[in-house]
Amino acid sequence: MHSKIPTSVPTLEPIFRALTGLYLVLTPDLVIVDATDALLQQTHVKRDEIIGQHVFHIFPNNPDNPQVDSEGSVHQSLQHALVHKEPHNLEMLRYDIPTENGFEERYWNTTTIPIMNEFGEVQYLVHEVRDITDKVLIDRVHQLRQEQLNLLTNATKAVAWEYDIVNNRMTWGEGLQEVLGYTPEEMGPGGESWDSRVHPDDFEEVQRSIQQALASKQSTWKGEYRFQKADGSYAYILDQGYTAYDSKGNPIRTIGSIIDITQNRDTQEALRESDARFRHLLEVLPHMAWTASPKGKVLFFNDNWYSYTGMRPGQTDGWISAVHPEDSAWCSPAGTTLWLQAVASR
């Protein structure tokens, strides 16, 4: 005789709390009912401290940034969901999170979803947030770099030139004397005036590049090489040209500009030398040494690490497997409070 298997409805609370998304459940009065573990971890709060509390009591505005009314923006979104009984989304919202060391700058994408009861009334609000801080900060860096590039472009002194290929005639425009030290008369009228001033070690490669561009009927050409200035020194230059062709595909005229990039090349070389010295210093240390990004991703191990652990030389991923399981949880940089505090406080 088969015994009857008892059935029961499992409680959904542990399932909800284990969701990987960042969810907050609120009453219509904006009192916190529950939250996922992922949200608690991301916002540095504990469940027993927030349940039963008004949401803006737990997550207030950043007093150090009074011009940003984060509470006001979220309140409007929550009220929209309550009144219109439909989800409401905020594409990008700055909402700083309080920590032990003050407020932490954070950016979010939020969606508020009303949960209705059988009478069509809003019983709960499910507030979902997605942390987009990294994306916003990366976009900000890219924007800053673009602004710096635009500023550099506007401020850079360039030498304009035009070459009549058919008649072998060079015309030099503004910036020639200021950048390279020559007057147009000193440069001379023909293309050989340019040929004679390109560094001998660079001349053949530059000529090959130009001839290849002309043979393939390219309209644009760009090259970096050394060019002799009026004082006898050589400058690293970036040369860019635009070539026009006749109806038969023969090149007839090229116009372009020259920019002195010597300082930039010197800076890059100095950085490479500095990095090489630093790597050498790490290699000669009598112990294991490493470097990592602010997020805890290891970028470099010295030879002592590979000799001791047996990892493949050059491998940086998977290093945690070399650590004893009982120690791996607290020694992973990205997971330790000390590491995060050090990064936050700089």
Protein backbone atom coordinates (compact mmCIF):
# COMPACT_ATOMS: atom_id res chain seq x y z
CA MET A 1 0.00 0.00 0.00
CA HIS A 2 1.50 3.32 -1.09
CA SER A 3 1.64 6.06 1.50
CA LYS A 4 0.39 9.44 0.46
CA ILE A 5 3.21 11.98 -0.09
CA PRO A 6 2.44 15.14 1.86
CA THR A 7 2.43 18.30 -0.14
CA SER A 8 3.15 21.81 1.07
CA VAL A 9 3.65 25.22 -0.43
CA PRO A 10 7.24 26.34 0.14
CA THR A 11 7.78 29.75 1.58
CA LEU A 12 9.05 32.14 -1.08
CA GLU A 13 11.04 34.29 1.32
CA PRO A 14 14.37 32.42 1.05
CA ILE A 15 13.93 32.12 -2.71
CA PHE A 16 13.37 35.85 -3.06
CA ARG A 17 16.32 36.71 -0.84
CA ALA A 18 18.62 34.45 -2.85
CA LEU A 19 17.87 36.16 -6.18
CA THR A 20 20.98 37.59 -7.81
CA GLY A 21 19.24 40.84 -8.70
CA LEU A 22 19.13 43.92 -6.46
CA TYR A 23 15.51 44.12 -5.24
CA LEU A 24 13.81 46.09 -2.48
CA VAL A 25 10.16 45.47 -1.46
CA LEU A 26 8.26 48.48 -0.12
CA THR A 27 4.78 49.18 1.18
CA PRO A 28 2.75 51.99 -0.44
CA ASP A 29 3.98 54.13 2.46
CA LEU A 30 7.55 53.42 1.32
CA VAL A 31 8.41 51.26 4.32
CA ILE A 32 10.93 48.51 3.60
CA VAL A 33 9.45 45.00 3.78
CA ASP A 34 12.37 42.93 2.49
CA ALA A 35 15.46 42.96 0.27
CA THR A 36 17.60 40.48 -1.60
CA ASP A 37 20.96 39.48 -0.19
CA ALA A 38 22.61 40.96 -3.28
CA LEU A 39 21.14 44.40 -2.55
CA LEU A 40 22.21 44.27 1.08
CA GLN A 41 25.77 43.45 0.05
CA GLN A 42 25.88 46.11 -2.63
CA THR A 43 24.55 48.88 -0.38
CA HIS A 44 26.42 47.89 2.82
CA VAL A 45 23.32 47.45 5.00
CA LYS A 46 21.90 44.62 7.14
CA ARG A 47 18.41 43.19 6.80
CA ASP A 48 17.41 43.49 10.46
CA GLU A 49 18.43 47.17 10.43
CA ILE A 50 16.30 48.17 7.43
CA ILE A 51 13.08 46.13 7.62
CA GLY A 52 10.27 48.32 8.97
CA GLN A 53 12.20 51.52 8.22
CA HIS A 54 11.23 54.21 5.75
CA VAL A 55 13.34 53.82 2.63
CA PHE A 56 14.70 57.38 2.73
CA HIS A 57 15.69 56.97 6.36
CA ILE A 58 18.01 54.14 5.31
CA PHE A 59 19.10 55.75 2.04
CA PRO A 60 19.23 59.53 2.56
CA ASN A 61 20.63 62.18 0.28
CA ASN A 62 24.38 62.75 0.38
CA PRO A 63 24.76 65.90 2.51
CA ASP A 64 28.14 66.59 0.88
CA ASN A 65 26.45 66.83 -2.52
CA PRO A 66 23.37 68.98 -1.85
CA GLN A 67 22.88 69.92 -5.51
CA VAL A 68 21.81 66.33 -6.31
CA ASP A 69 18.34 65.45 -4.93
CA SER A 70 18.49 61.66 -5.22
CA GLU A 71 15.58 61.19 -2.81
CA GLY A 72 13.38 63.50 -4.87
CA SER A 73 14.03 61.62 -8.11
CA VAL A 74 13.32 58.21 -6.57
CA HIS A 75 10.25 59.52 -4.73
CA GLN A 76 8.75 60.78 -8.02
CA SER A 77 9.41 57.41 -9.64
CA LEU A 78 7.79 55.52 -6.76
CA GLN A 79 4.77 57.83 -6.76
CA HIS A 80 4.34 57.38 -10.51
CA ALA A 81 4.17 53.60 -10.04
CA LEU A 82 1.70 54.02 -7.17
CA VAL A 83 -0.62 56.49 -8.88
CA HIS A 84 -0.56 55.10 -12.41
CA LYS A 85 -0.21 51.47 -11.31
CA GLU A 86 2.46 50.79 -13.92
CA PRO A 87 6.23 50.22 -13.85
CA HIS A 88 8.45 53.30 -13.92
CA ASN A 89 12.11 53.44 -14.94
CA LEU A 90 14.95 55.86 -14.28
CA GLU A 91 17.68 55.35 -16.88
CA MET A 92 20.48 56.89 -14.85
CA LEU A 93 20.38 58.15 -11.31
CA ARG A 94 23.16 59.26 -9.02
CA TYR A 95 22.43 57.95 -5.54
CA ASP A 96 25.42 57.87 -3.19
CA ILE A 97 25.53 55.11 -0.59
CA PRO A 98 26.47 55.75 3.07
CA THR A 99 29.43 53.73 4.34
CA GLU A 100 31.60 53.75 7.45
CA ASN A 101 33.94 56.17 5.69
CA GLY A 102 31.28 58.54 4.37
CA PHE A 103 29.19 58.49 1.23
CA GLU A 104 30.32 56.48 -1.78
CA GLU A 105 29.58 57.88 -5.25
CA ARG A 106 27.25 55.47 -7.08
CA TYR A 107 25.06 55.47 -10.20
CA TRP A 108 22.01 53.30 -10.81
CA ASN A 109 19.37 52.28 -13.34
CA THR A 110 16.12 51.76 -11.42
CA THR A 111 12.72 50.23 -12.15
CA THR A 112 9.74 50.34 -9.78
CA ILE A 113 7.04 47.69 -10.31
CA PRO A 114 3.66 47.90 -8.51
CA ILE A 115 2.26 44.61 -7.13
CA MET A 116 -1.54 44.62 -7.07
CA ASN A 117 -3.92 42.78 -4.73
CA GLU A 118 -7.18 41.12 -5.78
CA PHE A 119 -9.03 44.44 -5.52
CA GLY A 120 -6.73 46.21 -7.98
CA GLU A 121 -4.96 48.19 -5.29
CA VAL A 122 -1.20 48.55 -4.97
CA GLN A 123 -0.10 46.25 -2.16
CA TYR A 124 3.67 46.42 -2.63
CA LEU A 125 6.29 48.17 -4.71
CA VAL A 126 9.21 46.10 -5.98
CA HIS A 127 12.12 48.47 -6.54
CA GLU A 128 14.85 46.98 -8.75
CA VAL A 129 18.22 48.71 -9.08
CA ARG A 130 21.19 47.96 -11.33
CA ASP A 131 24.59 49.38 -10.44
CA ILE A 132 25.95 51.21 -13.51
CA THR A 133 28.68 53.11 -11.67
CA ASP A 134 31.55 51.57 -13.63
CA LYS A 135 29.92 52.39 -16.96
CA VAL A 136 29.20 55.99 -15.96
CA LEU A 137 32.74 56.56 -14.70
CA ILE A 138 34.27 54.98 -17.81
CA ASP A 139 32.07 57.16 -20.02
CA ARG A 140 33.19 60.16 -17.99
CA VAL A 141 36.85 59.29 -18.54
CA HIS A 142 36.25 58.85 -22.26
CA GLN A 143 34.49 62.21 -22.42
CA LEU A 144 37.35 63.87 -20.55
CA ARG A 145 39.89 62.30 -22.90
CA GLN A 146 37.90 63.50 -25.90
CA GLU A 147 37.77 67.02 -24.48
CA GLN A 148 41.53 66.92 -23.87
CA LEU A 149 42.07 65.66 -27.41
CA ASN A 150 39.94 68.46 -28.83
CA LEU A 151 41.84 70.99 -26.73
CA LEU A 152 45.15 69.55 -27.88
CA THR A 153 44.04 69.62 -31.51
CA ASN A 154 43.02 73.27 -31.28
CA ALA A 155 46.18 74.26 -29.43
CA THR A 156 48.68 72.30 -31.52
CA LYS A 157 50.79 74.26 -33.98
CA ALA A 158 50.69 72.56 -37.39
CA VAL A 159 52.65 73.11 -40.61
CA ALA A 160 50.36 73.20 -43.63
CA TRP A 161 51.76 72.11 -47.00
CA GLU A 162 50.69 71.41 -50.56
CA TYR A 163 52.52 69.41 -53.21
CA ASP A 164 51.79 69.84 -56.91
CA ILE A 165 52.84 66.35 -58.05
CA VAL A 166 52.62 67.08 -61.78
CA ASN A 167 54.88 70.15 -61.62
CA ASN A 168 57.00 69.07 -58.59
CA ARG A 169 56.18 72.20 -56.64
CA MET A 170 55.96 72.42 -52.84
CA THR A 171 54.02 75.18 -51.15
CA TRP A 172 54.47 75.69 -47.42
CA GLY A 173 51.81 77.41 -45.35
CA GLU A 174 51.47 78.76 -41.82
CA GLY A 175 53.49 77.33 -38.96
CA LEU A 176 56.60 76.38 -40.97
CA GLN A 177 58.99 78.80 -39.27
CA GLU A 178 57.44 78.49 -35.82
CA VAL A 179 57.51 74.66 -35.79
CA LEU A 180 60.51 73.77 -37.95
CA GLY A 181 62.46 77.04 -38.06
CA TYR A 182 62.50 77.51 -41.86
CA THR A 183 61.15 80.22 -44.10
CA PRO A 184 59.41 79.01 -47.28
CA GLU A 185 62.38 80.34 -49.29
CA GLU A 186 64.82 78.28 -47.20
CA MET A 187 62.82 75.12 -47.79
CA GLY A 188 62.90 75.54 -51.55
CA PRO A 189 60.17 75.03 -54.17
CA GLY A 190 60.57 71.33 -55.15
CA GLY A 191 59.83 68.01 -53.52
CA GLU A 192 63.53 67.36 -53.08
CA SER A 193 63.51 70.01 -50.35
CA TRP A 194 61.42 67.61 -48.29
CA ASP A 195 63.41 64.51 -49.32
CA SER A 196 66.72 65.95 -48.14
CA ARG A 197 65.43 66.68 -44.64
CA VAL A 198 63.83 63.32 -43.80
CA HIS A 199 66.13 61.33 -41.52
CA PRO A 200 68.15 58.86 -43.64
CA ASP A 201 67.08 55.93 -41.45
CA ASP A 202 63.41 56.76 -42.04
CA PHE A 203 63.46 57.85 -45.70
CA GLU A 204 63.03 54.48 -47.43
CA GLU A 205 60.16 53.36 -45.18
CA VAL A 206 58.33 56.68 -45.62
CA GLN A 207 58.77 56.56 -49.41
CA ARG A 208 57.54 52.96 -49.52
CA SER A 209 54.46 53.92 -47.51
CA ILE A 210 53.68 56.86 -49.81
CA GLN A 211 54.15 54.83 -53.00
CA GLN A 212 51.95 52.06 -51.63
CA ALA A 213 49.18 54.56 -50.87
CA LEU A 214 49.42 56.10 -54.36
CA ALA A 215 49.50 52.70 -56.08
CA SER A 216 46.29 51.65 -54.34
CA LYS A 217 44.67 55.03 -55.08
CA GLN A 218 44.23 55.85 -51.39
CA SER A 219 42.99 59.37 -50.78
CA THR A 220 44.63 59.70 -47.37
CA TRP A 221 48.11 58.90 -46.09
CA LYS A 222 49.70 59.20 -42.64
CA GLY A 223 53.24 58.64 -41.44
CA GLU A 224 55.53 59.24 -38.47
CA TYR A 225 59.20 59.96 -39.06
CA ARG A 226 62.08 62.24 -38.11
CA PHE A 227 62.51 65.54 -39.93
CA GLN A 228 65.49 67.87 -39.70
CA LYS A 229 64.77 71.32 -38.30
CA ALA A 230 66.59 74.52 -39.21
CA ASP A 231 68.87 74.21 -36.15
CA GLY A 232 70.08 70.78 -37.32
CA SER A 233 68.16 68.74 -34.75
CA TYR A 234 65.56 66.15 -35.71
CA ALA A 235 61.94 66.32 -34.64
CA TYR A 236 59.52 63.41 -34.60
CA ILE A 237 56.60 64.51 -36.75
CA LEU A 238 53.17 63.21 -37.64
CA ASP A 239 52.57 63.90 -41.33
CA GLN A 240 49.09 63.52 -42.83
CA GLY A 241 48.12 64.12 -46.44
CA TYR A 242 45.10 64.02 -48.75
CA THR A 243 45.71 63.19 -52.44
CA ALA A 244 43.52 64.12 -55.39
CA TYR A 245 43.55 62.02 -58.60
CA ASP A 246 42.61 62.87 -62.18
CA SER A 247 40.00 61.01 -64.26
CA LYS A 248 42.61 58.40 -65.26
CA GLY A 249 43.56 57.69 -61.63
CA ASN A 250 46.87 59.56 -61.72
CA PRO A 251 47.81 61.50 -58.56
CA ILE A 252 47.96 65.22 -59.24
CA ARG A 253 48.00 67.06 -55.92
CA THR A 254 48.43 66.38 -52.21
CA ILE A 255 47.60 68.71 -49.35
CA GLY A 256 48.49 67.98 -45.75
CA SER A 257 49.82 69.06 -42.38
CA ILE A 258 52.80 68.30 -40.15
CA ILE A 259 52.62 68.19 -36.35
CA ASP A 260 55.67 68.00 -34.08
CA ILE A 261 55.13 65.02 -31.73
CA THR A 262 58.65 64.93 -30.28
CA GLN A 263 57.52 65.70 -26.74
CA ASN A 264 54.88 63.00 -26.88
CA ARG A 265 57.41 60.42 -28.14
CA ASP A 266 59.89 61.42 -25.43
CA THR A 267 57.19 61.04 -22.78
CA GLN A 268 56.23 57.59 -24.03
CA GLU A 269 59.87 56.50 -24.04
CA ALA A 270 60.35 57.80 -20.50
CA LEU A 271 57.28 55.86 -19.37
CA ARG A 272 58.58 52.67 -20.97
CA GLU A 273 61.97 53.10 -19.27
CA SER A 274 60.31 53.81 -15.93
CA ASP A 275 58.11 50.71 -16.26
CA ALA A 276 61.16 48.59 -17.17
CA ARG A 277 63.04 49.82 -14.08
CA PHE A 278 60.04 49.10 -11.88
CA ARG A 279 59.66 45.57 -13.29
CA HIS A 280 63.37 44.95 -12.74
CA LEU A 281 63.05 46.12 -9.12
CA LEU A 282 60.17 43.71 -8.53
CA GLU A 283 62.13 40.83 -10.05
CA VAL A 284 65.20 41.30 -7.84
CA LEU A 285 63.19 41.47 -4.61
CA PRO A 286 63.91 38.41 -2.43
CA HIS A 287 60.20 37.61 -1.99
CA MET A 288 57.05 37.18 -4.05
CA ALA A 289 55.72 40.49 -5.44
CA TRP A 290 52.65 41.44 -7.44
CA THR A 291 50.67 44.37 -8.77
CA ALA A 292 46.90 44.63 -9.16
CA SER A 293 44.22 46.99 -10.46
CA PRO A 294 42.00 48.92 -7.99
CA LYS A 295 39.32 46.24 -8.47
CA GLY A 296 41.73 43.54 -7.32
CA LYS A 297 42.61 41.98 -10.69
CA VAL A 298 46.24 40.84 -10.54
CA LEU A 299 48.29 42.31 -13.38
CA PHE A 300 51.80 41.02 -12.62
CA PHE A 301 53.70 38.43 -10.57
CA ASN A 302 57.48 38.32 -10.26
CA ASP A 303 59.46 35.16 -10.98
CA ASN A 304 59.58 34.18 -7.31
CA TRP A 305 55.79 33.69 -7.36
CA TYR A 306 55.90 31.35 -10.33
CA SER A 307 58.85 29.41 -8.91
CA TYR A 308 57.13 28.94 -5.55
CA THR A 309 53.58 28.16 -6.78
CA GLY A 310 54.39 26.29 -9.97
CA MET A 311 51.98 28.41 -11.99
CA ARG A 312 52.75 28.89 -15.66
CA PRO A 313 55.06 31.93 -16.13
CA GLY A 314 53.05 34.95 -17.24
CA GLN A 315 49.74 33.55 -15.97
CA THR A 316 47.87 35.90 -13.63
CA ASP A 317 44.32 34.51 -13.72
CA GLY A 318 43.43 31.67 -11.38
CA TRP A 319 46.08 32.55 -8.80
CA ILE A 320 43.62 32.06 -5.93
CA SER A 321 43.84 28.29 -6.53
CA ALA A 322 47.37 28.43 -5.10
CA VAL A 323 45.99 29.69 -1.78
CA HIS A 324 44.72 27.32 0.93
CA PRO A 325 40.88 27.07 0.75
CA GLU A 326 40.52 28.26 4.35
CA ASP A 327 42.43 31.44 3.54
CA SER A 328 41.19 32.23 0.03
CA ALA A 329 38.01 34.01 1.15
CA TRP A 330 39.77 36.79 3.03
CA CYS A 331 42.94 37.16 0.95
CA SER A 332 41.22 37.83 -2.37
CA PRO A 333 41.72 41.63 -2.75
CA ALA A 334 38.33 42.28 -4.34
CA GLY A 335 36.53 40.60 -1.46
CA THR A 336 38.24 42.14 1.54
CA THR A 337 36.96 45.08 3.52
CA LEU A 338 40.49 46.43 4.06
CA TRP A 339 41.17 46.46 0.33
CA LEU A 340 37.90 48.24 -0.50
CA GLN A 341 38.45 50.76 2.31
CA ALA A 342 41.99 51.48 1.11
CA VAL A 343 40.79 52.08 -2.45
CA ALA A 344 37.89 54.24 -1.31
CA SER A 345 40.04 56.39 0.97
CA ARG A 346 42.89 56.49 -1.57
